[in-house]
Protein backbone atom coordinates (compact mmCIF):
# COMPACT_ATOMS: atom_id res chain seq x y z
CA MET A 1 21.67 -25.05 -6.26
CA PRO A 2 22.20 -23.39 -9.55
CA ASN A 3 25.56 -23.89 -11.01
CA ILE A 4 25.76 -20.56 -12.94
CA LYS A 5 26.49 -17.20 -11.03
CA SER A 6 23.54 -15.36 -12.42
CA ALA A 7 21.17 -18.14 -11.45
CA GLU A 8 22.68 -17.93 -7.93
CA LYS A 9 22.20 -14.29 -7.80
CA ARG A 10 18.45 -14.84 -8.94
CA VAL A 11 17.73 -17.38 -6.18
CA LYS A 12 18.95 -14.63 -3.76
CA VAL A 13 16.83 -11.98 -5.12
CA ILE A 14 13.77 -14.14 -5.48
CA ASN A 15 14.30 -15.29 -1.91
CA LYS A 16 14.49 -11.65 -0.65
CA LYS A 17 11.39 -10.48 -2.52
CA THR A 18 9.34 -13.54 -1.45
CA ALA A 19 10.17 -12.52 2.12
CA GLU A 20 9.10 -8.94 1.43
CA ASN A 21 5.97 -9.81 -0.21
CA ARG A 22 5.08 -12.42 2.68
CA ALA A 23 5.73 -9.69 5.18
CA ILE A 24 3.35 -7.20 3.23
CA LYS A 25 0.44 -9.77 2.91
CA SER A 26 0.92 -10.53 6.49
CA ARG A 27 0.58 -6.98 7.69
CA ILE A 28 -2.56 -6.63 5.52
CA ALA A 29 -4.18 -9.76 7.06
CA THR A 30 -3.26 -8.39 10.51
CA TYR A 31 -5.03 -5.12 9.96
CA ALA A 32 -7.83 -6.78 8.20
CA LYS A 33 -8.25 -9.03 11.17
CA LYS A 34 -8.21 -6.08 13.55
CA PHE A 35 -10.87 -4.27 11.22
CA LYS A 36 -13.21 -7.21 11.13
CA LEU A 37 -13.03 -7.61 15.05
CA ALA A 38 -13.68 -3.85 15.51
CA VAL A 39 -16.69 -3.98 13.38
CA GLU A 40 -17.79 -7.34 15.23
CA ASN A 41 -17.37 -5.31 18.34
CA LYS A 42 -19.32 -2.11 16.93
CA GLU A 43 -16.29 0.24 17.50
CA VAL A 44 -17.07 2.77 14.81
CA GLU A 45 -14.20 5.10 15.14
CA ASN A 46 -11.59 2.37 15.69
CA ALA A 47 -13.13 0.47 12.62
CA GLN A 48 -13.03 3.66 10.39
CA SER A 49 -9.24 4.26 11.22
CA LEU A 50 -8.44 0.59 10.68
CA TYR A 51 -10.38 0.55 7.49
CA ASN A 52 -8.42 3.61 6.02
CA GLU A 53 -5.06 1.68 7.08
CA VAL A 54 -6.13 -1.64 5.52
CA VAL A 55 -7.25 0.26 2.22
CA SER A 56 -4.05 2.07 2.13
CA LEU A 57 -1.88 -1.02 2.45
CA MET A 58 -3.99 -2.96 -0.02
CA ASP A 59 -3.48 -0.08 -2.62
CA LYS A 60 0.23 0.05 -2.05
CA ALA A 61 0.43 -3.75 -2.28
CA ALA A 62 -1.65 -3.78 -5.56
CA SER A 63 0.55 -1.10 -7.19
CA ASP A 64 3.48 -3.15 -6.43
CA ASN A 65 1.86 -6.20 -7.91
CA VAL A 66 2.13 -8.10 -4.55
CA ILE A 67 -1.62 -8.77 -4.86
CA HIS A 68 -3.74 -8.56 -7.97
CA LYS A 69 -5.75 -5.30 -8.30
CA ASN A 70 -8.96 -6.89 -8.55
CA SER A 71 -8.59 -8.76 -5.55
CA ALA A 72 -7.64 -5.78 -3.52
CA ASN A 73 -10.84 -3.85 -5.10
CA ARG A 74 -12.82 -6.94 -4.15
CA LYS A 75 -11.86 -6.85 -0.68
CA LYS A 76 -11.79 -3.16 -0.18
CA ALA A 77 -15.59 -3.12 -1.46
CA HIS A 78 -16.39 -5.85 1.20
CA TYR A 79 -14.72 -3.80 3.87
CA ALA A 80 -16.49 -0.67 2.83
CA LYS A 81 -19.92 -2.59 2.89
CA MET A 82 -19.18 -3.84 6.35
CA LEU A 83 -18.36 -0.28 7.58
CA ALA A 84 -21.65 1.14 5.97
CA ASN A 85 -23.60 -1.47 7.62
CA LEU A 86 -21.93 -0.66 11.03
CA ASN A 87 -22.68 3.06 10.65
CA LYS A 88 -26.36 2.31 10.01
């Protein structure tokens, strides 16, 4: 434990932000998993709506620096390709 009061506050703030970031990443992973499952089961309409949701979540997370923007763009491109192949 830190001895200085400001360091104690930083520990609290960091723990809170870590929990928030973990929750955001978990939500993205959950929607990504649902999207992949919908693509696997060839549910076009469901996959499209889940794709929109996961892309939105990734954009928000990338803008808040929860995940890196290049990582978000790479995953979005991968999911878009999966969706395009499903529509063929």
